[in-house]
Amino acid sequence: TYELINTYISEKTYQTLGEKSVGTESNTFNVYAETPDEAEEKAKSQC
């Protein structure tokens, strides 16, 4: 699961004015591993 974040950059000054979370999304991966922890780390890397 990952968070979508919008970053707002001023058109005039090109400075970052702020960020806002706009929701979450998920992807599912099939991973071959020896343990669930190893599988989670491999999936994070793949994502």
All heavy atoms as atom14 arrays in JSON, in Angstrom:
{
  "sequence": "TYELINTYISEKTYQTLGEKSVGTESNTFNVYAETPDEAEEKAKSQC",
  "atom14_mask": [
    [1, 1, 1, 1, 1, 1, 1, 0, 0, 0, 0, 0, 0, 0],
    [1, 1, 1, 1, 1, 1, 1, 1, 1, 1, 1, 1, 0, 0],
    [1, 1, 1, 1, 1, 1, 1, 1, 1, 0, 0, 0, 0, 0],
    [1, 1, 1, 1, 1, 1, 1, 1, 0, 0, 0, 0, 0, 0],
    [1, 1, 1, 1, 1, 1, 1, 1, 0, 0, 0, 0, 0, 0],
    [1, 1, 1, 1, 1, 1, 1, 1, 0, 0, 0, 0, 0, 0],
    [1, 1, 1, 1, 1, 1, 1, 0, 0, 0, 0, 0, 0, 0],
    [1, 1, 1, 1, 1, 1, 1, 1, 1, 1, 1, 1, 0, 0],
    [1, 1, 1, 1, 1, 1, 1, 1, 0, 0, 0, 0, 0, 0],
    [1, 1, 1, 1, 1, 1, 0, 0, 0, 0, 0, 0, 0, 0],
    [1, 1, 1, 1, 1, 1, 1, 1, 1, 0, 0, 0, 0, 0],
    [1, 1, 1, 1, 1, 1, 1, 1, 1, 0, 0, 0, 0, 0],
    [1, 1, 1, 1, 1, 1, 1, 0, 0, 0, 0, 0, 0, 0],
    [1, 1, 1, 1, 1, 1, 1, 1, 1, 1, 1, 1, 0, 0],
    [1, 1, 1, 1, 1, 1, 1, 1, 1, 0, 0, 0, 0, 0],
    [1, 1, 1, 1, 1, 1, 1, 0, 0, 0, 0, 0, 0, 0],
    [1, 1, 1, 1, 1, 1, 1, 1, 0, 0, 0, 0, 0, 0],
    [1, 1, 1, 1, 0, 0, 0, 0, 0, 0, 0, 0, 0, 0],
    [1, 1, 1, 1, 1, 1, 1, 1, 1, 0, 0, 0, 0, 0],
    [1, 1, 1, 1, 1, 1, 1, 1, 1, 0, 0, 0, 0, 0],
    [1, 1, 1, 1, 1, 1, 0, 0, 0, 0, 0, 0, 0, 0],
    [1, 1, 1, 1, 1, 1, 1, 0, 0, 0, 0, 0, 0, 0],
    [1, 1, 1, 1, 0, 0, 0, 0, 0, 0, 0, 0, 0, 0],
    [1, 1, 1, 1, 1, 1, 1, 0, 0, 0, 0, 0, 0, 0],
    [1, 1, 1, 1, 1, 1, 1, 1, 1, 0, 0, 0, 0, 0],
    [1, 1, 1, 1, 1, 1, 0, 0, 0, 0, 0, 0, 0, 0],
    [1, 1, 1, 1, 1, 1, 1, 1, 0, 0, 0, 0, 0, 0],
    [1, 1, 1, 1, 1, 1, 1, 0, 0, 0, 0, 0, 0, 0],
    [1, 1, 1, 1, 1, 1, 1, 1, 1, 1, 1, 0, 0, 0],
    [1, 1, 1, 1, 1, 1, 1, 1, 0, 0, 0, 0, 0, 0],
    [1, 1, 1, 1, 1, 1, 1, 0, 0, 0, 0, 0, 0, 0],
    [1, 1, 1, 1, 1, 1, 1, 1, 1, 1, 1, 1, 0, 0],
    [1, 1, 1, 1, 1, 0, 0, 0, 0, 0, 0, 0, 0, 0],
    [1, 1, 1, 1, 1, 1, 1, 1, 1, 0, 0, 0, 0, 0],
    [1, 1, 1, 1, 1, 1, 1, 0, 0, 0, 0, 0, 0, 0],
    [1, 1, 1, 1, 1, 1, 1, 0, 0, 0, 0, 0, 0, 0],
    [1, 1, 1, 1, 1, 1, 1, 1, 0, 0, 0, 0, 0, 0],
    [1, 1, 1, 1, 1, 1, 1, 1, 1, 0, 0, 0, 0, 0],
    [1, 1, 1, 1, 1, 0, 0, 0, 0, 0, 0, 0, 0, 0],
    [1, 1, 1, 1, 1, 1, 1, 1, 1, 0, 0, 0, 0, 0],
    [1, 1, 1, 1, 1, 1, 1, 1, 1, 0, 0, 0, 0, 0],
    [1, 1, 1, 1, 1, 1, 1, 1, 1, 0, 0, 0, 0, 0],
    [1, 1, 1, 1, 1, 0, 0, 0, 0, 0, 0, 0, 0, 0],
    [1, 1, 1, 1, 1, 1, 1, 1, 1, 0, 0, 0, 0, 0],
    [1, 1, 1, 1, 1, 1, 0, 0, 0, 0, 0, 0, 0, 0],
    [1, 1, 1, 1, 1, 1, 1, 1, 1, 0, 0, 0, 0, 0],
    [1, 1, 1, 1, 1, 1, 0, 0, 0, 0, 0, 0, 0, 0]
  ],
  "atom14_positions": [
    [[0.85, -1.19, 0.0], [0.0, 0.0, 0.0], [0.89, 1.23, 0.0], [1.86, 1.3, 0.75], [-0.92, 0.01, 1.24], [-1.68, -1.19, 1.26], [-1.86, 1.21, 1.22], [0.0, 0.0, 0.0], [0.0, 0.0, 0.0], [0.0, 0.0, 0.0], [0.0, 0.0, 0.0], [0.0, 0.0, 0.0], [0.0, 0.0, 0.0], [0.0, 0.0, 0.0]],
    [[0.54, 2.2, -0.85], [1.32, 3.43, -0.92], [0.4, 4.64, -0.94], [-0.76, 4.56, -1.33], [2.27, 3.43, -2.13], [1.61, 3.05, -3.44], [1.04, 4.01, -4.25], [1.58, 1.73, -3.87], [0.45, 3.67, -5.45], [0.98, 1.37, -5.06], [0.42, 2.35, -5.85], [-0.18, 2.01, -7.03], [0.0, 0.0, 0.0], [0.0, 0.0, 0.0]],
    [[0.95, 5.75, -0.47], [0.22, 7.02, -0.38], [0.52, 7.88, -1.6], [1.67, 7.95, -2.04], [0.66, 7.74, 0.9], [0.0, 9.08, 1.12], [0.49, 9.76, 2.37], [1.63, 9.49, 2.81], [-0.26, 10.56, 2.93], [0.0, 0.0, 0.0], [0.0, 0.0, 0.0], [0.0, 0.0, 0.0], [0.0, 0.0, 0.0], [0.0, 0.0, 0.0]],
    [[-0.51, 8.5, -2.14], [-0.34, 9.46, -3.24], [-0.23, 10.86, -2.64], [-1.08, 11.27, -1.85], [-1.55, 9.4, -4.18], [-1.83, 8.03, -4.79], [-3.19, 8.03, -5.47], [-0.75, 7.65, -5.76], [0.0, 0.0, 0.0], [0.0, 0.0, 0.0], [0.0, 0.0, 0.0], [0.0, 0.0, 0.0], [0.0, 0.0, 0.0], [0.0, 0.0, 0.0]],
    [[0.82, 11.57, -3.02], [1.08, 12.9, -2.45], [1.22, 13.91, -3.57], [2.03, 13.74, -4.48], [2.38, 12.89, -1.61], [2.27, 11.85, -0.5], [2.67, 14.28, -1.06], [3.58, 11.53, 0.16], [0.0, 0.0, 0.0], [0.0, 0.0, 0.0], [0.0, 0.0, 0.0], [0.0, 0.0, 0.0], [0.0, 0.0, 0.0], [0.0, 0.0, 0.0]],
    [[0.41, 14.96, -3.51], [0.52, 16.06, -4.46], [1.41, 17.15, -3.87], [1.23, 17.55, -2.72], [-0.84, 16.66, -4.8], [-1.62, 15.84, -5.79], [-1.11, 14.86, -6.32], [-2.85, 16.21, -6.04], [0.0, 0.0, 0.0], [0.0, 0.0, 0.0], [0.0, 0.0, 0.0], [0.0, 0.0, 0.0], [0.0, 0.0, 0.0], [0.0, 0.0, 0.0]],
    [[2.37, 17.62, -4.67], [3.26, 18.7, -4.27], [2.92, 19.92, -5.12], [2.82, 19.82, -6.34], [4.74, 18.31, -4.48], [5.0, 17.13, -3.71], [5.68, 19.42, -4.04], [0.0, 0.0, 0.0], [0.0, 0.0, 0.0], [0.0, 0.0, 0.0], [0.0, 0.0, 0.0], [0.0, 0.0, 0.0], [0.0, 0.0, 0.0], [0.0, 0.0, 0.0]],
    [[2.74, 21.06, -4.45], [2.33, 22.29, -5.11], [3.53, 23.23, -5.23], [4.1, 23.65, -4.23], [1.2, 22.95, -4.33], [-0.02, 22.07, -4.27], [-0.16, 21.09, -3.28], [-1.01, 22.17, -5.24], [-1.27, 20.26, -3.26], [-2.12, 21.34, -5.22], [-2.24, 20.39, -4.23], [-3.34, 19.55, -4.22], [0.0, 0.0, 0.0], [0.0, 0.0, 0.0]],
    [[3.88, 23.56, -6.48], [5.04, 24.42, -6.76], [4.54, 25.69, -7.43], [3.86, 25.64, -8.46], [6.08, 23.7, -7.63], [6.57, 22.45, -6.87], [7.23, 24.62, -8.01], [7.5, 21.58, -7.63], [0.0, 0.0, 0.0], [0.0, 0.0, 0.0], [0.0, 0.0, 0.0], [0.0, 0.0, 0.0], [0.0, 0.0, 0.0], [0.0, 0.0, 0.0]],
    [[4.91, 26.82, -6.85], [4.48, 28.12, -7.35], [4.9, 28.31, -8.8], [6.05, 28.06, -9.16], [5.06, 29.24, -6.49], [4.86, 30.49, -7.11], [0.0, 0.0, 0.0], [0.0, 0.0, 0.0], [0.0, 0.0, 0.0], [0.0, 0.0, 0.0], [0.0, 0.0, 0.0], [0.0, 0.0, 0.0], [0.0, 0.0, 0.0], [0.0, 0.0, 0.0]],
    [[3.95, 28.79, -9.6], [4.24, 29.07, -11.01], [5.15, 30.3, -11.15], [5.93, 30.4, -12.09], [2.92, 29.3, -11.75], [2.96, 28.98, -13.2], [1.58, 29.06, -13.83], [0.8, 29.98, -13.51], [1.3, 28.19, -14.65], [0.0, 0.0, 0.0], [0.0, 0.0, 0.0], [0.0, 0.0, 0.0], [0.0, 0.0, 0.0], [0.0, 0.0, 0.0]],
    [[5.07, 31.21, -10.17], [5.86, 32.45, -10.23], [7.27, 32.29, -9.66], [8.25, 32.71, -10.26], [5.15, 33.56, -9.45], [3.84, 33.99, -10.06], [3.18, 35.04, -9.19], [1.8, 35.4, -9.73], [1.11, 36.33, -8.85], [0.0, 0.0, 0.0], [0.0, 0.0, 0.0], [0.0, 0.0, 0.0], [0.0, 0.0, 0.0], [0.0, 0.0, 0.0]],
    [[7.36, 31.69, -8.46], [8.65, 31.64, -7.77], [9.34, 30.28, -7.85], [10.49, 30.15, -7.43], [8.47, 31.98, -6.27], [7.65, 30.97, -5.67], [7.84, 33.35, -6.09], [0.0, 0.0, 0.0], [0.0, 0.0, 0.0], [0.0, 0.0, 0.0], [0.0, 0.0, 0.0], [0.0, 0.0, 0.0], [0.0, 0.0, 0.0], [0.0, 0.0, 0.0]],
    [[8.63, 29.27, -8.34], [9.15, 27.9, -8.44], [9.51, 27.29, -7.08], [10.27, 26.35, -7.0], [10.34, 27.81, -9.39], [10.01, 28.31, -10.78], [10.48, 29.54, -11.21], [9.2, 27.57, -11.62], [10.15, 30.02, -12.48], [8.87, 28.04, -12.89], [9.35, 29.26, -13.31], [9.02, 29.73, -14.55], [0.0, 0.0, 0.0], [0.0, 0.0, 0.0]],
    [[8.94, 27.85, -6.01], [9.15, 27.3, -4.68], [8.02, 26.36, -4.32], [6.88, 26.55, -4.74], [9.24, 28.42, -3.65], [10.46, 29.28, -3.8], [10.55, 30.33, -2.7], [9.59, 30.56, -1.97], [11.7, 30.97, -2.6], [0.0, 0.0, 0.0], [0.0, 0.0, 0.0], [0.0, 0.0, 0.0], [0.0, 0.0, 0.0], [0.0, 0.0, 0.0]],
    [[8.33, 25.36, -3.52], [7.31, 24.43, -3.04], [6.46, 25.14, -1.99], [6.99, 25.61, -0.98], [7.95, 23.17, -2.44], [8.75, 22.54, -3.45], [6.9, 22.2, -1.94], [0.0, 0.0, 0.0], [0.0, 0.0, 0.0], [0.0, 0.0, 0.0], [0.0, 0.0, 0.0], [0.0, 0.0, 0.0], [0.0, 0.0, 0.0], [0.0, 0.0, 0.0]],
    [[5.15, 25.21, -2.24], [4.25, 25.86, -1.3], [3.64, 24.88, -0.31], [3.21, 25.28, 0.77], [3.14, 26.6, -2.05], [3.6, 27.71, -2.99], [2.4, 28.38, -3.64], [4.43, 28.74, -2.23], [0.0, 0.0, 0.0], [0.0, 0.0, 0.0], [0.0, 0.0, 0.0], [0.0, 0.0, 0.0], [0.0, 0.0, 0.0], [0.0, 0.0, 0.0]],
    [[3.58, 23.62, -0.68], [3.03, 22.63, 0.24], [2.79, 21.29, -0.42], [2.99, 21.12, -1.62], [0.0, 0.0, 0.0], [0.0, 0.0, 0.0], [0.0, 0.0, 0.0], [0.0, 0.0, 0.0], [0.0, 0.0, 0.0], [0.0, 0.0, 0.0], [0.0, 0.0, 0.0], [0.0, 0.0, 0.0], [0.0, 0.0, 0.0], [0.0, 0.0, 0.0]],
    [[2.38, 20.35, 0.42], [2.05, 19.0, -0.04], [0.72, 18.59, 0.56], [0.34, 19.06, 1.63], [3.12, 17.99, 0.39], [4.46, 18.2, -0.25], [5.46, 17.14, 0.18], [5.26, 16.47, 1.2], [6.46, 16.99, -0.54], [0.0, 0.0, 0.0], [0.0, 0.0, 0.0], [0.0, 0.0, 0.0], [0.0, 0.0, 0.0], [0.0, 0.0, 0.0]],
    [[0.04, 17.68, -0.14], [-1.24, 17.2, 0.35], [-1.4, 15.72, -0.04], [-1.17, 15.35, -1.19], [-2.37, 18.04, -0.25], [-3.76, 17.61, 0.19], [-4.84, 18.62, -0.23], [-4.99, 18.68, -1.73], [-6.14, 19.45, -2.18], [0.0, 0.0, 0.0], [0.0, 0.0, 0.0], [0.0, 0.0, 0.0], [0.0, 0.0, 0.0], [0.0, 0.0, 0.0]],
    [[-1.8, 14.92, 0.94], [-2.1, 13.51, 0.66], [-3.44, 13.45, -0.07], [-4.4, 14.1, 0.34], [-2.18, 12.72, 1.96], [-2.57, 11.4, 1.68], [0.0, 0.0, 0.0], [0.0, 0.0, 0.0], [0.0, 0.0, 0.0], [0.0, 0.0, 0.0], [0.0, 0.0, 0.0], [0.0, 0.0, 0.0], [0.0, 0.0, 0.0], [0.0, 0.0, 0.0]],
    [[-3.48, 12.69, -1.16], [-4.72, 12.6, -1.94], [-5.26, 11.17, -1.99], [-6.05, 10.84, -2.86], [-4.55, 13.18, -3.36], [-4.34, 14.68, -3.31], [-3.41, 12.51, -4.1], [0.0, 0.0, 0.0], [0.0, 0.0, 0.0], [0.0, 0.0, 0.0], [0.0, 0.0, 0.0], [0.0, 0.0, 0.0], [0.0, 0.0, 0.0], [0.0, 0.0, 0.0]],
    [[-4.82, 10.32, -1.06], [-5.35, 8.97, -0.98], [-4.27, 7.91, -1.0], [-3.08, 8.2, -0.98], [0.0, 0.0, 0.0], [0.0, 0.0, 0.0], [0.0, 0.0, 0.0], [0.0, 0.0, 0.0], [0.0, 0.0, 0.0], [0.0, 0.0, 0.0], [0.0, 0.0, 0.0], [0.0, 0.0, 0.0], [0.0, 0.0, 0.0], [0.0, 0.0, 0.0]],
    [[-4.73, 6.66, -1.04], [-3.82, 5.52, -1.08], [-4.24, 4.58, -2.2], [-5.39, 4.59, -2.64], [-3.82, 4.74, 0.25], [-5.13, 4.25, 0.51], [-3.33, 5.59, 1.39], [0.0, 0.0, 0.0], [0.0, 0.0, 0.0], [0.0, 0.0, 0.0], [0.0, 0.0, 0.0], [0.0, 0.0, 0.0], [0.0, 0.0, 0.0], [0.0, 0.0, 0.0]],
    [[-3.29, 3.77, -2.64], [-3.54, 2.71, -3.63], [-2.74, 1.49, -3.2], [-1.82, 1.6, -2.39], [-3.11, 3.15, -5.04], [-4.01, 4.19, -5.65], [-3.63, 4.53, -7.1], [-2.7, 3.91, -7.65], [-4.28, 5.41, -7.66], [0.0, 0.0, 0.0], [0.0, 0.0, 0.0], [0.0, 0.0, 0.0], [0.0, 0.0, 0.0], [0.0, 0.0, 0.0]],
    [[-3.09, 0.34, -3.77], [-2.38, -0.9, -3.45], [-2.07, -1.67, -4.72], [-2.81, -1.6, -5.69], [-3.24, -1.78, -2.54], [-3.47, -1.16, -1.32], [0.0, 0.0, 0.0], [0.0, 0.0, 0.0], [0.0, 0.0, 0.0], [0.0, 0.0, 0.0], [0.0, 0.0, 0.0], [0.0, 0.0, 0.0], [0.0, 0.0, 0.0], [0.0, 0.0, 0.0]],
    [[-0.96, -2.39, -4.68], [-0.57, -3.34, -5.73], [-0.24, -4.66, -5.05], [0.28, -4.67, -3.93], [0.66, -2.87, -6.51], [0.32, -1.93, -7.63], [-0.84, -1.69, -7.93], [1.34, -1.37, -8.24], [0.0, 0.0, 0.0], [0.0, 0.0, 0.0], [0.0, 0.0, 0.0], [0.0, 0.0, 0.0], [0.0, 0.0, 0.0], [0.0, 0.0, 0.0]],
    [[-0.53, -5.76, -5.73], [-0.22, -7.08, -5.2], [0.86, -7.73, -6.05], [0.81, -7.68, -7.28], [-1.48, -7.96, -5.18], [-2.47, -7.3, -4.39], [-1.2, -9.31, -4.58], [0.0, 0.0, 0.0], [0.0, 0.0, 0.0], [0.0, 0.0, 0.0], [0.0, 0.0, 0.0], [0.0, 0.0, 0.0], [0.0, 0.0, 0.0], [0.0, 0.0, 0.0]],
    [[1.84, -8.33, -5.37], [2.96, -8.98, -6.03], [3.06, -10.42, -5.56], [2.79, -10.72, -4.4], [4.28, -8.27, -5.69], [4.34, -6.84, -6.13], [3.95, -5.83, -5.28], [4.77, -6.52, -7.4], [3.99, -4.51, -5.68], [4.81, -5.2, -7.81], [4.43, -4.2, -6.95], [0.0, 0.0, 0.0], [0.0, 0.0, 0.0], [0.0, 0.0, 0.0]],
    [[3.45, -11.31, -6.45], [3.78, -12.69, -6.08], [5.29, -12.75, -5.95], [6.01, -12.43, -6.89], [3.29, -13.67, -7.14], [1.78, -13.77, -7.13], [1.17, -13.88, -6.08], [1.18, -13.72, -8.3], [0.0, 0.0, 0.0], [0.0, 0.0, 0.0], [0.0, 0.0, 0.0], [0.0, 0.0, 0.0], [0.0, 0.0, 0.0], [0.0, 0.0, 0.0]],
    [[5.75, -13.15, -4.76], [7.18, -13.13, -4.46], [7.6, -14.49, -3.91], [6.92, -15.06, -3.06], [7.48, -12.03, -3.41], [8.94, -12.01, -3.06], [7.04, -10.67, -3.92], [0.0, 0.0, 0.0], [0.0, 0.0, 0.0], [0.0, 0.0, 0.0], [0.0, 0.0, 0.0], [0.0, 0.0, 0.0], [0.0, 0.0, 0.0], [0.0, 0.0, 0.0]],
    [[8.73, -14.98, -4.38], [9.31, -16.22, -3.85], [10.32, -15.84, -2.78], [11.25, -15.05, -3.02], [10.0, -17.01, -4.98], [10.55, -18.33, -4.5], [9.72, -19.43, -4.38], [11.88, -18.46, -4.17], [10.21, -20.64, -3.94], [12.38, -19.67, -3.73], [11.53, -20.75, -3.61], [12.02, -21.95, -3.17], [0.0, 0.0, 0.0], [0.0, 0.0, 0.0]],
    [[10.12, -16.36, -1.56], [11.01, -16.04, -0.45], [10.96, -17.15, 0.59], [10.08, -18.02, 0.56], [10.6, -14.72, 0.19], [0.0, 0.0, 0.0], [0.0, 0.0, 0.0], [0.0, 0.0, 0.0], [0.0, 0.0, 0.0], [0.0, 0.0, 0.0], [0.0, 0.0, 0.0], [0.0, 0.0, 0.0], [0.0, 0.0, 0.0], [0.0, 0.0, 0.0]],
    [[11.9, -17.11, 1.52], [11.95, -18.11, 2.59], [11.05, -17.75, 3.76], [10.55, -18.63, 4.45], [13.39, -18.29, 3.06], [14.26, -18.96, 2.02], [15.66, -19.2, 2.52], [15.84, -19.45, 3.73], [16.58, -19.16, 1.7], [0.0, 0.0, 0.0], [0.0, 0.0, 0.0], [0.0, 0.0, 0.0], [0.0, 0.0, 0.0], [0.0, 0.0, 0.0]],
    [[10.85, -16.46, 4.02], [10.03, -16.02, 5.14], [9.08, -14.92, 4.69], [9.34, -14.24, 3.69], [10.91, -15.46, 6.29], [11.55, -14.26, 5.82], [11.95, -16.46, 6.75], [0.0, 0.0, 0.0], [0.0, 0.0, 0.0], [0.0, 0.0, 0.0], [0.0, 0.0, 0.0], [0.0, 0.0, 0.0], [0.0, 0.0, 0.0], [0.0, 0.0, 0.0]],
    [[8.0, -14.69, 5.43], [7.1, -13.57, 5.11], [7.81, -12.21, 5.15], [7.56, -11.35, 4.31], [6.01, -13.66, 6.18], [6.01, -15.08, 6.62], [7.44, -15.52, 6.51], [0.0, 0.0, 0.0], [0.0, 0.0, 0.0], [0.0, 0.0, 0.0], [0.0, 0.0, 0.0], [0.0, 0.0, 0.0], [0.0, 0.0, 0.0], [0.0, 0.0, 0.0]],
    [[8.72, -12.02, 6.11], [9.46, -10.75, 6.19], [10.31, -10.51, 4.95], [10.35, -9.4, 4.42], [10.36, -10.72, 7.44], [9.57, -10.59, 8.73], [8.4, -10.14, 8.66], [10.11, -10.94, 9.79], [0.0, 0.0, 0.0], [0.0, 0.0, 0.0], [0.0, 0.0, 0.0], [0.0, 0.0, 0.0], [0.0, 0.0, 0.0], [0.0, 0.0, 0.0]],
    [[10.97, -11.56, 4.5], [11.79, -11.44, 3.28], [10.9, -11.14, 2.08], [11.24, -10.32, 1.23], [12.58, -12.72, 3.04], [13.46, -12.66, 1.81], [14.13, -13.98, 1.49], [13.92, -14.99, 2.19], [14.88, -14.0, 0.49], [0.0, 0.0, 0.0], [0.0, 0.0, 0.0], [0.0, 0.0, 0.0], [0.0, 0.0, 0.0], [0.0, 0.0, 0.0]],
    [[9.73, -11.77, 2.02], [8.79, -11.52, 0.92], [8.33, -10.07, 0.92], [8.23, -9.44, -0.13], [7.59, -12.46, 1.04], [0.0, 0.0, 0.0], [0.0, 0.0, 0.0], [0.0, 0.0, 0.0], [0.0, 0.0, 0.0], [0.0, 0.0, 0.0], [0.0, 0.0, 0.0], [0.0, 0.0, 0.0], [0.0, 0.0, 0.0], [0.0, 0.0, 0.0]],
    [[8.05, -9.53, 2.09], [7.61, -8.13, 2.19], [8.7, -7.18, 1.72], [8.43, -6.22, 1.0], [7.18, -7.82, 3.63], [5.88, -8.51, 4.02], [5.54, -8.41, 5.49], [6.34, -7.83, 6.27], [4.47, -8.93, 5.87], [0.0, 0.0, 0.0], [0.0, 0.0, 0.0], [0.0, 0.0, 0.0], [0.0, 0.0, 0.0], [0.0, 0.0, 0.0]],
    [[9.94, -7.43, 2.11], [11.05, -6.57, 1.67], [11.25, -6.65, 0.16], [11.48, -5.63, -0.5], [12.34, -6.93, 2.41], [12.34, -6.53, 3.86], [12.05, -5.05, 4.08], [12.65, -4.2, 3.39], [11.2, -4.74, 4.93], [0.0, 0.0, 0.0], [0.0, 0.0, 0.0], [0.0, 0.0, 0.0], [0.0, 0.0, 0.0], [0.0, 0.0, 0.0]],
    [[11.15, -7.85, -0.39], [11.29, -8.0, -1.85], [10.16, -7.28, -2.58], [10.38, -6.65, -3.61], [11.3, -9.48, -2.24], [12.6, -10.18, -1.93], [12.56, -11.62, -2.42], [13.9, -12.3, -2.27], [13.89, -13.66, -2.82], [0.0, 0.0, 0.0], [0.0, 0.0, 0.0], [0.0, 0.0, 0.0], [0.0, 0.0, 0.0], [0.0, 0.0, 0.0]],
    [[8.94, -7.37, -2.06], [7.8, -6.7, -2.7], [7.95, -5.19, -2.62], [7.64, -4.48, -3.59], [6.5, -7.14, -2.05], [0.0, 0.0, 0.0], [0.0, 0.0, 0.0], [0.0, 0.0, 0.0], [0.0, 0.0, 0.0], [0.0, 0.0, 0.0], [0.0, 0.0, 0.0], [0.0, 0.0, 0.0], [0.0, 0.0, 0.0], [0.0, 0.0, 0.0]],
    [[8.43, -4.66, -1.5], [8.67, -3.21, -1.39], [9.69, -2.77, -2.43], [9.52, -1.74, -3.08], [9.17, -2.85, 0.01], [8.13, -2.8, 1.06], [8.78, -2.4, 2.38], [7.82, -2.41, 3.52], [8.47, -2.04, 4.8], [0.0, 0.0, 0.0], [0.0, 0.0, 0.0], [0.0, 0.0, 0.0], [0.0, 0.0, 0.0], [0.0, 0.0, 0.0]],
    [[10.74, -3.56, -2.58], [11.78, -3.23, -3.56], [11.21, -3.25, -4.97], [11.48, -2.36, -5.78], [12.92, -4.23, -3.43], [13.89, -3.97, -4.4], [0.0, 0.0, 0.0], [0.0, 0.0, 0.0], [0.0, 0.0, 0.0], [0.0, 0.0, 0.0], [0.0, 0.0, 0.0], [0.0, 0.0, 0.0], [0.0, 0.0, 0.0], [0.0, 0.0, 0.0]],
    [[10.4, -4.26, -5.26], [9.78, -4.35, -6.58], [8.81, -3.19, -6.81], [8.77, -2.6, -7.88], [9.06, -5.69, -6.72], [8.59, -5.99, -8.12], [8.03, -7.41, -8.24], [8.16, -8.22, -7.35], [7.4, -7.68, -9.35], [0.0, 0.0, 0.0], [0.0, 0.0, 0.0], [0.0, 0.0, 0.0], [0.0, 0.0, 0.0], [0.0, 0.0, 0.0]],
    [[8.04, -2.84, -5.79], [7.09, -1.74, -5.91], [7.82, -0.41, -6.08], [7.37, 0.47, -6.8], [6.18, -1.67, -4.68], [4.86, -0.45, -4.81], [0.0, 0.0, 0.0], [0.0, 0.0, 0.0], [0.0, 0.0, 0.0], [0.0, 0.0, 0.0], [0.0, 0.0, 0.0], [0.0, 0.0, 0.0], [0.0, 0.0, 0.0], [0.0, 0.0, 0.0]]
  ]
}
